Amino acid sequence: MMEKRGVKVAVGSVLFVVMAALALSAAEKAKSPVEITVVTDRPDAMYRVGEKATFAVEVKLNGQPVGDKEASYQLSLDGAGDLGKGVLKLAQGKATVSGSLDKPGILRCMVWYSPSGERGLGLAGAAYEPFKIQPTAVVPADFDEFWNAQKAELAKIPMDAKLEPVSQADDKIEVFKLTMPNIGGSRIRAYLAKPKGPGPFPAILSIPGASFSGISPGWATGHAAQGFLSIAVGVHDIESGQPPEYYDKLRTTALLDYPKQGREDRMTYYFRRVILGNVRAVDYVTSRPEWNKKHMIVNGSSQGGGLSLVAAGLDSRITALASNVPGLCDHNGRAFGRPAGWPRVVPDGPDGKLDPKILQVAAYYDAVTFARKITVPAIMGVGLIDSTCPATTNFSAYNLLRGPKQIDIAPLMGHAVGKSYTAMKERWVLEQAGLKK
């Protein structure tokens, strides 16, 4: 691992990625006998604009080099556009591809090989001066006015928190199922966990990634065992702990394509309720007598990483931010020939351009815009071959953070949780909370 200027580049330390350069799901990898690795000629994958990056490619079938075959490749701007493509002449299963960028960004190399219908896919990314990547997100003139009005509406709703004790094995902590009213007659579904005793304790809010299910107590108990007043808030207004068929039905009914529901109007978009639910969670935790009135940290990955950026930018009570591979960034990236972050909420209109109505709505929900307002200490984890929340969109947010910050860059990681980031986060969160011994 190399470290400089608050930047950590994690080389070869990735959780959940078996073939590091392979951007397939675990199930797909298990089924496919094709293995493709693609790596840059620099372990940290960092380049200056104009420099040549060379990608080394190796293709195996059933664990053995494929021999003198042909594979296909494409270069792109982090998955957007076409910067070159062609056929690779493999020699004993190996070949190289070279490319460059004339501006800051991520040069992605994708290689695929399909013998007898079995398709293998490999990715690598070369980062060109990524700390100079500028956001594409446009700030609406009434952005602050809009969100201040939403918080004012939420404030009119009584907190009316309902707590239900939850039994668990650790006799040093207490756990509760928590529900509270939210806007539009909806409810917040959460778990609260805390060490036994009066405190005072630092607080932490954890926000989950995208799913079609509720959350479990484990989202809150781990931090409680470390000494936190810990709250974890579900994204959906649904019951937790139900049978699988309950969530299977929601996947195809009420939660079908939920990240795009209501996107035609800023008042009906799905994440309006979600964002305000996180504000109400902070309302509740900071009203508890056990809170130490000093530390209120927010933490999440993917969807939760994007919503953590939103929470820290929207709520001045947040004192520190941990955001891994955040979604909800640079919704309008495609208008600039760049990738958009998950959930790619803005579709094309009839003219082939981004739908202007939905684009206008998305501007109020872009985590990059909230990042402009963040001055508290922050950390972020980024994977250079992340196809779900592309690194370009993550750097767009990171580069705007105005407080002390650190970033962990995993060159061979896709959409996952890096081992290096996890270690950094566990240490850093305790430091921010005053719990580091």
Protein backbone atom coordinates (compact mmCIF):
# COMPACT_ATOMS: atom_id res chain seq x y z
CA MET A 1 0.00 0.00 0.00
CA MET A 2 1.22 3.49 -0.86
CA GLU A 3 0.04 6.54 1.05
CA LYS A 4 0.44 10.24 0.30
CA ARG A 5 -1.46 13.47 0.98
CA GLY A 6 -4.37 11.76 2.65
CA VAL A 7 -4.59 9.29 -0.25
CA LYS A 8 -4.30 5.57 0.20
CA VAL A 9 -3.90 3.38 -2.85
CA ALA A 10 -4.73 -0.19 -1.91
CA VAL A 11 -2.93 -2.67 -4.14
CA GLY A 12 -4.32 -6.19 -4.12
CA SER A 13 -6.41 -5.79 -0.95
CA VAL A 14 -10.04 -6.24 -1.89
CA LEU A 15 -12.82 -8.11 -0.15
CA PHE A 16 -15.40 -10.00 -2.21
CA VAL A 17 -13.46 -9.81 -5.50
CA VAL A 18 -11.99 -13.22 -6.33
CA MET A 19 -10.38 -12.36 -9.66
CA ALA A 20 -9.56 -8.75 -8.88
CA ALA A 21 -9.90 -7.36 -12.39
CA LEU A 22 -13.04 -9.36 -13.16
CA ALA A 23 -16.25 -7.32 -13.10
CA LEU A 24 -18.77 -10.15 -12.87
CA SER A 25 -21.05 -11.16 -10.03
CA ALA A 26 -19.91 -14.04 -7.84
CA ALA A 27 -22.60 -16.27 -9.32
CA GLU A 28 -21.52 -15.47 -12.87
CA LYS A 29 -17.88 -16.10 -12.01
CA ALA A 30 -18.73 -19.48 -10.53
CA LYS A 31 -20.56 -20.50 -13.71
CA SER A 32 -18.03 -19.28 -16.26
CA PRO A 33 -14.90 -21.34 -16.99
CA VAL A 34 -13.34 -18.21 -18.54
CA GLU A 35 -11.05 -16.09 -16.36
CA ILE A 36 -9.74 -12.75 -17.63
CA THR A 37 -7.38 -10.50 -15.71
CA VAL A 38 -6.52 -7.00 -16.84
CA VAL A 39 -3.99 -4.90 -14.94
CA THR A 40 -2.20 -1.61 -15.54
CA ASP A 41 1.58 -1.33 -15.88
CA ARG A 42 1.65 0.70 -12.66
CA PRO A 43 0.45 -0.98 -9.45
CA ASP A 44 -1.25 2.20 -8.24
CA ALA A 45 -2.87 2.82 -11.67
CA MET A 46 -2.07 6.55 -11.42
CA TYR A 47 -1.05 8.55 -14.49
CA ARG A 48 -0.53 12.13 -15.59
CA VAL A 49 -2.62 13.47 -18.44
CA GLY A 50 -1.01 12.53 -21.75
CA GLU A 51 0.99 9.57 -20.41
CA LYS A 52 0.51 6.15 -21.95
CA ALA A 53 -1.09 3.43 -19.86
CA THR A 54 -0.49 -0.17 -20.89
CA PHE A 55 -2.93 -2.86 -19.82
CA ALA A 56 -1.65 -6.45 -19.51
CA VAL A 57 -4.30 -9.01 -20.41
CA GLU A 58 -4.35 -12.71 -19.56
CA VAL A 59 -7.13 -15.10 -20.58
CA LYS A 60 -7.59 -18.56 -19.12
CA LEU A 61 -10.11 -21.31 -19.81
CA ASN A 62 -10.67 -23.86 -17.05
CA GLY A 63 -7.59 -22.51 -15.31
CA GLN A 64 -5.25 -22.86 -18.30
CA PRO A 65 -4.00 -20.19 -20.77
CA VAL A 66 -6.19 -20.24 -23.88
CA GLY A 67 -3.24 -20.27 -26.25
CA ASP A 68 -3.04 -18.30 -29.50
CA LYS A 69 -6.62 -17.10 -29.71
CA GLU A 70 -8.43 -13.82 -30.22
CA ALA A 71 -10.22 -11.66 -27.65
CA SER A 72 -12.00 -8.32 -28.01
CA TYR A 73 -11.29 -5.08 -26.19
CA GLN A 74 -12.71 -1.59 -25.80
CA LEU A 75 -11.34 1.55 -24.20
CA SER A 76 -13.73 4.10 -22.70
CA LEU A 77 -14.01 7.04 -20.34
CA ASP A 78 -14.92 5.00 -17.26
CA GLY A 79 -17.54 3.09 -19.23
CA ALA A 80 -18.84 6.03 -21.28
CA GLY A 81 -18.22 6.44 -24.99
CA ASP A 82 -15.77 4.63 -27.25
CA LEU A 83 -12.07 5.56 -27.13
CA GLY A 84 -10.95 2.63 -29.24
CA LYS A 85 -11.82 -1.02 -29.74
CA GLY A 86 -10.57 -3.99 -31.66
CA VAL A 87 -9.32 -7.56 -31.60
CA LEU A 88 -6.47 -8.78 -29.43
CA LYS A 89 -4.16 -11.43 -30.83
CA LEU A 90 -3.38 -13.53 -27.78
CA ALA A 91 -0.03 -15.30 -27.52
CA GLN A 92 -0.33 -18.11 -25.01
CA GLY A 93 -3.35 -16.31 -23.65
CA LYS A 94 -1.58 -12.97 -23.16
CA ALA A 95 -1.62 -9.57 -24.86
CA THR A 96 -1.37 -5.84 -24.09
CA VAL A 97 -3.52 -2.80 -24.86
CA SER A 98 -2.36 0.82 -24.57
CA GLY A 99 -4.20 4.10 -24.37
CA SER A 100 -4.14 7.59 -22.90
CA LEU A 101 -6.36 10.48 -21.82
CA ASP A 102 -5.87 14.16 -22.63
CA LYS A 103 -7.89 15.31 -19.61
CA PRO A 104 -8.46 14.13 -16.03
CA GLY A 105 -10.58 10.98 -15.83
CA ILE A 106 -10.55 7.19 -15.69
CA LEU A 107 -9.43 5.25 -18.77
CA ARG A 108 -11.22 1.91 -18.63
CA CYS A 109 -10.09 -1.15 -20.55
CA MET A 110 -12.68 -3.90 -21.02
CA VAL A 111 -11.72 -7.27 -22.49
CA TRP A 112 -14.04 -10.13 -23.33
CA TYR A 113 -13.61 -13.64 -24.69
CA SER A 114 -16.40 -16.00 -25.71
CA PRO A 115 -15.41 -19.53 -26.62
CA SER A 116 -18.37 -21.79 -27.38
CA GLY A 117 -20.81 -19.26 -25.93
CA GLU A 118 -19.04 -19.03 -22.56
CA ARG A 119 -18.36 -15.32 -22.02
CA GLY A 120 -15.62 -13.99 -19.81
CA LEU A 121 -15.15 -10.31 -19.02
CA GLY A 122 -12.24 -8.42 -17.47
CA LEU A 123 -11.76 -4.76 -16.56
CA ALA A 124 -9.02 -2.41 -15.46
CA GLY A 125 -8.95 1.33 -14.91
CA ALA A 126 -6.15 3.87 -15.24
CA ALA A 127 -6.69 7.04 -13.20
CA TYR A 128 -5.51 10.22 -14.93
CA GLU A 129 -5.04 13.04 -12.41
CA PRO A 130 -8.32 12.05 -10.71
CA PHE A 131 -8.12 14.83 -8.11
CA LYS A 132 -8.69 17.30 -10.93
CA ILE A 133 -11.95 15.70 -12.07
CA GLN A 134 -14.66 18.33 -11.99
CA PRO A 135 -18.35 17.67 -11.29
CA THR A 136 -21.02 17.81 -13.97
CA ALA A 137 -23.82 18.33 -11.43
CA VAL A 138 -25.55 21.71 -11.79
CA VAL A 139 -26.77 23.42 -8.60
CA PRO A 140 -30.38 24.65 -8.88
CA ALA A 141 -30.80 28.32 -7.94
CA ASP A 142 -33.33 27.42 -5.24
CA PHE A 143 -31.54 24.29 -3.97
CA ASP A 144 -31.14 25.54 -0.39
CA GLU A 145 -34.63 27.03 -0.36
CA PHE A 146 -36.13 23.73 -1.49
CA TRP A 147 -34.40 21.58 1.11
CA ASN A 148 -34.96 24.06 3.91
CA ALA A 149 -38.66 23.89 3.09
CA GLN A 150 -38.57 20.07 3.20
CA LYS A 151 -36.91 20.07 6.61
CA ALA A 152 -39.44 22.62 7.84
CA GLU A 153 -42.26 20.33 6.73
CA LEU A 154 -40.66 17.40 8.55
CA ALA A 155 -40.26 19.50 11.71
CA LYS A 156 -44.04 19.93 11.89
CA ILE A 157 -44.50 16.18 12.33
CA PRO A 158 -44.26 15.01 15.97
CA MET A 159 -41.38 12.60 16.55
CA ASP A 160 -43.64 10.11 18.38
CA ALA A 161 -40.93 7.44 18.49
CA LYS A 162 -42.04 3.87 19.20
CA LEU A 163 -39.43 1.58 20.74
CA GLU A 164 -39.69 -2.20 20.97
CA PRO A 165 -36.93 -4.11 22.82
CA VAL A 166 -35.08 -6.73 20.78
CA SER A 167 -33.38 -9.65 22.51
CA GLN A 168 -29.80 -10.43 21.52
CA ALA A 169 -26.73 -12.24 22.81
CA ASP A 170 -24.52 -9.36 23.96
CA ASP A 171 -25.58 -8.51 27.51
CA LYS A 172 -23.51 -5.29 27.44
CA ILE A 173 -25.76 -3.52 24.97
CA GLU A 174 -29.46 -2.78 24.49
CA VAL A 175 -31.25 -3.06 21.14
CA PHE A 176 -34.61 -1.67 20.05
CA LYS A 177 -36.76 -1.71 16.95
CA LEU A 178 -37.65 1.92 16.30
CA THR A 179 -40.41 3.46 14.20
CA MET A 180 -41.31 7.13 13.75
CA PRO A 181 -43.66 9.11 11.51
CA ASN A 182 -42.24 10.55 8.30
CA ILE A 183 -43.65 12.81 5.58
CA GLY A 184 -46.69 11.80 3.56
CA GLY A 185 -48.03 9.46 6.21
CA SER A 186 -45.06 7.10 5.84
CA ARG A 187 -42.97 5.71 8.68
CA ILE A 188 -39.27 5.41 9.40
CA ARG A 189 -38.11 1.87 10.18
CA ALA A 190 -34.89 1.66 12.15
CA TYR A 191 -32.90 -0.12 14.83
CA LEU A 192 -31.37 1.65 17.81
CA ALA A 193 -28.57 0.04 19.82
CA LYS A 194 -26.55 1.41 22.71
CA PRO A 195 -24.24 0.34 25.51
CA LYS A 196 -26.05 -0.21 28.77
CA GLY A 197 -25.85 2.77 31.08
CA PRO A 198 -26.53 6.49 30.93
CA GLY A 199 -23.59 7.47 28.71
CA PRO A 200 -22.72 9.93 27.41
CA PHE A 201 -22.00 8.21 24.07
CA PRO A 202 -21.01 9.42 20.62
CA ALA A 203 -23.63 8.73 17.95
CA ILE A 204 -23.44 7.11 14.53
CA LEU A 205 -26.03 6.75 11.77
CA SER A 206 -25.62 3.84 9.34
CA ILE A 207 -27.47 3.83 6.00
CA PRO A 208 -27.77 0.59 3.97
CA GLY A 209 -27.04 -0.05 0.33
CA ALA A 210 -29.70 -0.76 -2.26
CA SER A 211 -31.96 -3.73 -1.57
CA PHE A 212 -35.58 -4.81 -1.61
CA SER A 213 -35.66 -5.87 2.03
CA GLY A 214 -35.67 -4.36 5.48
CA ILE A 215 -32.63 -4.06 7.73
CA SER A 216 -31.55 -6.29 10.60
CA PRO A 217 -30.42 -5.36 14.14
CA GLY A 218 -26.85 -6.14 13.11
CA TRP A 219 -26.74 -2.85 11.23
CA ALA A 220 -26.72 -1.12 14.63
CA THR A 221 -25.28 -3.58 17.16
CA GLY A 222 -21.68 -3.64 15.95
CA HIS A 223 -21.18 0.05 16.60
CA ALA A 224 -23.05 -0.15 19.91
CA ALA A 225 -20.56 -2.78 21.08
CA GLN A 226 -17.79 -0.25 20.32
CA GLY A 227 -19.40 2.37 22.55
CA PHE A 228 -21.73 4.20 20.17
CA LEU A 229 -25.32 5.31 20.45
CA SER A 230 -26.02 3.62 17.13
CA ILE A 231 -28.97 3.98 14.77
CA ALA A 232 -29.49 2.23 11.43
CA VAL A 233 -32.33 3.40 9.21
CA GLY A 234 -33.98 1.32 6.51
CA VAL A 235 -34.54 2.95 3.14
CA HIS A 236 -38.02 1.49 2.69
CA ASP A 237 -41.18 1.82 4.74
CA ILE A 238 -41.50 -1.95 5.11
CA GLU A 239 -41.35 -4.47 7.93
CA SER A 240 -38.06 -6.15 8.81
CA GLY A 241 -37.63 -9.82 9.61
CA GLN A 242 -40.30 -11.11 7.24
CA PRO A 243 -40.17 -14.35 5.17
CA PRO A 244 -38.37 -14.20 1.79
CA GLU A 245 -41.63 -14.36 -0.15
CA TYR A 246 -42.72 -11.07 1.46
CA TYR A 247 -39.72 -9.28 -0.05
CA ASP A 248 -39.92 -11.19 -3.33
CA LYS A 249 -43.40 -9.77 -3.84
CA LEU A 250 -42.29 -6.24 -2.99
CA ARG A 251 -39.48 -6.52 -5.54
CA THR A 252 -42.04 -6.87 -8.35
CA THR A 253 -44.74 -4.58 -6.90
CA ALA A 254 -44.29 -1.66 -4.50
CA LEU A 255 -40.49 -1.57 -4.78
CA LEU A 256 -40.23 -2.29 -8.49
CA ASP A 257 -37.46 -0.03 -9.84
CA TYR A 258 -37.83 2.06 -6.67
CA PRO A 259 -34.76 4.32 -7.29
CA LYS A 260 -36.65 5.81 -10.25
CA GLN A 261 -40.13 6.02 -8.77
CA GLY A 262 -41.64 9.51 -8.79
CA ARG A 263 -38.68 10.98 -10.67
CA GLU A 264 -40.90 13.28 -12.74
CA ASP A 265 -41.38 15.68 -9.82
CA ARG A 266 -38.99 16.77 -7.06
CA MET A 267 -41.80 16.45 -4.50
CA THR A 268 -42.69 12.86 -5.45
CA TYR A 269 -39.24 11.37 -6.06
CA TYR A 270 -38.64 8.26 -3.93
CA PHE A 271 -35.54 9.57 -2.19
CA ARG A 272 -37.28 12.67 -0.81
CA ARG A 273 -38.88 10.57 1.92
CA VAL A 274 -35.65 8.61 2.40
CA ILE A 275 -33.49 11.72 2.84
CA LEU A 276 -35.92 13.30 5.29
CA GLY A 277 -36.10 10.01 7.17
CA ASN A 278 -32.36 10.25 7.79
CA VAL A 279 -32.79 13.82 9.06
CA ARG A 280 -35.44 12.57 11.48
CA ALA A 281 -33.09 9.80 12.63
CA VAL A 282 -30.54 12.48 13.56
CA ASP A 283 -33.36 14.44 15.25
CA TYR A 284 -34.10 11.44 17.40
CA VAL A 285 -30.56 10.37 18.29
CA THR A 286 -29.48 13.89 19.21
CA SER A 287 -32.54 14.21 21.46
CA ARG A 288 -31.56 11.16 23.51
CA PRO A 289 -30.11 11.94 26.96
CA GLU A 290 -27.28 9.43 26.33
CA TRP A 291 -25.87 11.41 23.39
CA ASN A 292 -22.63 13.20 24.26
CA LYS A 293 -23.60 16.32 22.29
CA LYS A 294 -20.27 16.23 20.45
CA HIS A 295 -20.12 13.46 17.87
CA MET A 296 -22.72 12.55 15.21
CA ILE A 297 -21.15 10.42 12.46
CA VAL A 298 -22.83 9.13 9.29
CA ASN A 299 -21.69 6.01 7.47
CA GLY A 300 -22.70 4.00 4.39
CA SER A 301 -21.69 2.25 1.18
CA SER A 302 -23.14 2.42 -2.34
CA GLN A 303 -26.69 3.77 -1.99
CA GLY A 304 -25.83 4.34 1.67
CA GLY A 305 -22.62 6.10 0.67
CA GLY A 306 -24.53 8.54 -1.53
CA LEU A 307 -27.16 9.12 1.13
CA SER A 308 -24.39 9.69 3.69
CA LEU A 309 -23.02 12.47 1.49
CA VAL A 310 -26.53 13.92 1.31
CA ALA A 311 -26.98 13.71 5.09
CA ALA A 312 -23.66 15.40 5.81
CA GLY A 313 -24.38 18.17 3.32
CA LEU A 314 -27.93 18.72 4.52
CA ASP A 315 -27.58 18.45 8.30
CA SER A 316 -25.15 20.63 10.23
CA ARG A 317 -25.32 18.27 13.22
CA ILE A 318 -23.26 15.67 11.33
CA THR A 319 -19.66 15.87 12.57
CA ALA A 320 -17.93 13.27 10.36
CA LEU A 321 -18.65 11.28 7.20
CA ALA A 322 -17.60 7.84 5.94
CA SER A 323 -18.75 7.13 2.37
CA ASN A 324 -17.72 4.05 0.38
CA VAL A 325 -18.31 3.74 -3.40
CA PRO A 326 -21.19 6.25 -3.15
CA GLY A 327 -24.15 6.23 -5.52
CA LEU A 328 -26.39 9.17 -6.44
CA CYS A 329 -23.45 11.13 -7.92
CA ASP A 330 -23.35 13.11 -11.19
CA HIS A 331 -26.82 12.19 -12.46
CA ASN A 332 -26.23 14.22 -15.61
CA GLY A 333 -22.78 12.84 -16.41
CA ARG A 334 -23.92 11.36 -19.72
CA ALA A 335 -24.70 14.85 -21.03
CA PHE A 336 -20.94 15.48 -20.84
CA GLY A 337 -19.81 12.20 -22.34
CA ARG A 338 -19.11 10.79 -18.87
CA PRO A 339 -20.77 8.07 -16.81
CA ALA A 340 -23.66 8.79 -14.46
CA GLY A 341 -23.73 7.23 -11.03
CA TRP A 342 -26.26 4.71 -9.77
CA PRO A 343 -29.22 4.62 -10.26
CA ARG A 344 -28.81 6.42 -13.62
CA VAL A 345 -32.10 8.08 -12.89
CA VAL A 346 -32.20 10.32 -15.98
CA PRO A 347 -33.35 8.50 -19.16
CA ASP A 348 -33.07 9.65 -22.73
CA GLY A 349 -35.96 11.64 -24.17
CA PRO A 350 -37.49 11.14 -27.64
CA ASP A 351 -34.72 13.26 -29.17
CA GLY A 352 -32.00 11.02 -27.77
CA LYS A 353 -30.88 13.62 -25.24
CA LEU A 354 -31.32 13.39 -21.46
CA ASP A 355 -34.95 13.95 -20.50
CA PRO A 356 -34.97 17.65 -19.48
CA LYS A 357 -37.83 17.32 -16.97
CA ILE A 358 -36.26 14.45 -15.05
CA LEU A 359 -32.82 16.03 -15.36
CA GLN A 360 -34.16 19.09 -13.56
CA VAL A 361 -35.58 16.94 -10.76
CA ALA A 362 -32.37 14.92 -10.43
CA ALA A 363 -30.39 18.10 -9.79
CA TYR A 364 -32.04 18.38 -6.36
CA TYR A 365 -30.97 14.82 -5.49
CA ASP A 366 -27.38 14.74 -6.67
CA ALA A 367 -24.99 13.78 -3.87
CA VAL A 368 -22.27 15.83 -5.57
CA THR A 369 -24.26 19.01 -4.93
CA PHE A 370 -24.58 18.13 -1.24
CA ALA A 371 -20.84 17.39 -1.16
CA ARG A 372 -20.14 21.05 -1.97
CA LYS A 373 -21.49 21.95 1.47
CA ILE A 374 -19.53 19.41 3.52
CA THR A 375 -16.79 20.85 5.74
CA VAL A 376 -16.52 18.08 8.36
CA PRO A 377 -13.82 15.38 8.32
CA ALA A 378 -14.54 12.72 5.69
CA ILE A 379 -13.22 9.49 4.21
CA MET A 380 -14.18 7.78 0.98
CA GLY A 381 -13.49 4.42 -0.68
CA VAL A 382 -13.32 4.13 -4.47
CA GLY A 383 -12.88 1.20 -6.86
CA LEU A 384 -11.35 1.98 -10.26
CA ILE A 385 -13.36 -0.74 -12.02
CA ASP A 386 -16.69 0.02 -10.38
CA SER A 387 -19.37 -0.21 -13.07
CA THR A 388 -22.24 0.52 -10.67
CA CYS A 389 -20.94 3.72 -9.09
CA PRO A 390 -18.09 4.66 -11.46
CA ALA A 391 -14.97 6.13 -9.92
CA THR A 392 -15.35 9.29 -12.00
CA THR A 393 -18.60 10.10 -10.20
CA ASN A 394 -17.02 9.38 -6.81
CA PHE A 395 -14.10 11.70 -7.47
CA SER A 396 -16.58 14.38 -8.57
CA ALA A 397 -17.94 14.34 -5.02
CA TYR A 398 -14.66 13.79 -3.19
CA ASN A 399 -12.92 16.69 -4.88
CA LEU A 400 -15.57 19.10 -3.56
CA LEU A 401 -15.31 18.09 0.10
CA ARG A 402 -13.95 21.10 2.00
CA GLY A 403 -12.90 19.55 5.30
CA PRO A 404 -10.02 17.23 6.22
CA LYS A 405 -10.34 14.19 3.99
CA GLN A 406 -8.79 10.87 3.02
CA ILE A 407 -9.54 8.55 0.13
CA ASP A 408 -8.76 4.87 -0.32
CA ILE A 409 -8.33 3.95 -3.99
CA ALA A 410 -8.53 0.27 -4.93
CA PRO A 411 -7.27 -0.09 -8.52
CA LEU A 412 -8.60 -3.63 -9.01
CA MET A 413 -11.89 -3.29 -7.14
CA GLY A 414 -15.35 -3.12 -8.61
CA HIS A 415 -18.48 -2.33 -6.63
CA ALA A 416 -17.42 -3.77 -3.30
CA VAL A 417 -15.96 -3.05 0.11
CA GLY A 418 -12.18 -2.87 0.12
CA LYS A 419 -10.17 -4.49 2.89
CA SER A 420 -7.98 -1.39 3.10
CA TYR A 421 -10.97 0.95 3.29
CA THR A 422 -12.60 -1.21 5.95
CA ALA A 423 -9.48 -1.07 8.12
CA MET A 424 -9.19 2.69 7.62
CA LYS A 425 -12.86 3.26 8.41
CA GLU A 426 -12.86 1.18 11.58
CA ARG A 427 -9.87 3.09 12.93
CA TRP A 428 -11.02 6.51 11.69
CA VAL A 429 -14.58 6.27 13.02
CA LEU A 430 -13.31 5.53 16.52
CA GLU A 431 -10.88 8.46 16.28
CA GLN A 432 -13.65 10.81 15.17
CA ALA A 433 -15.81 9.68 18.07
CA GLY A 434 -13.10 10.07 20.67
CA LEU A 435 -13.12 6.33 21.33
CA LYS A 436 -9.66 5.50 20.04
CA LYS A 437 -7.60 4.05 22.87
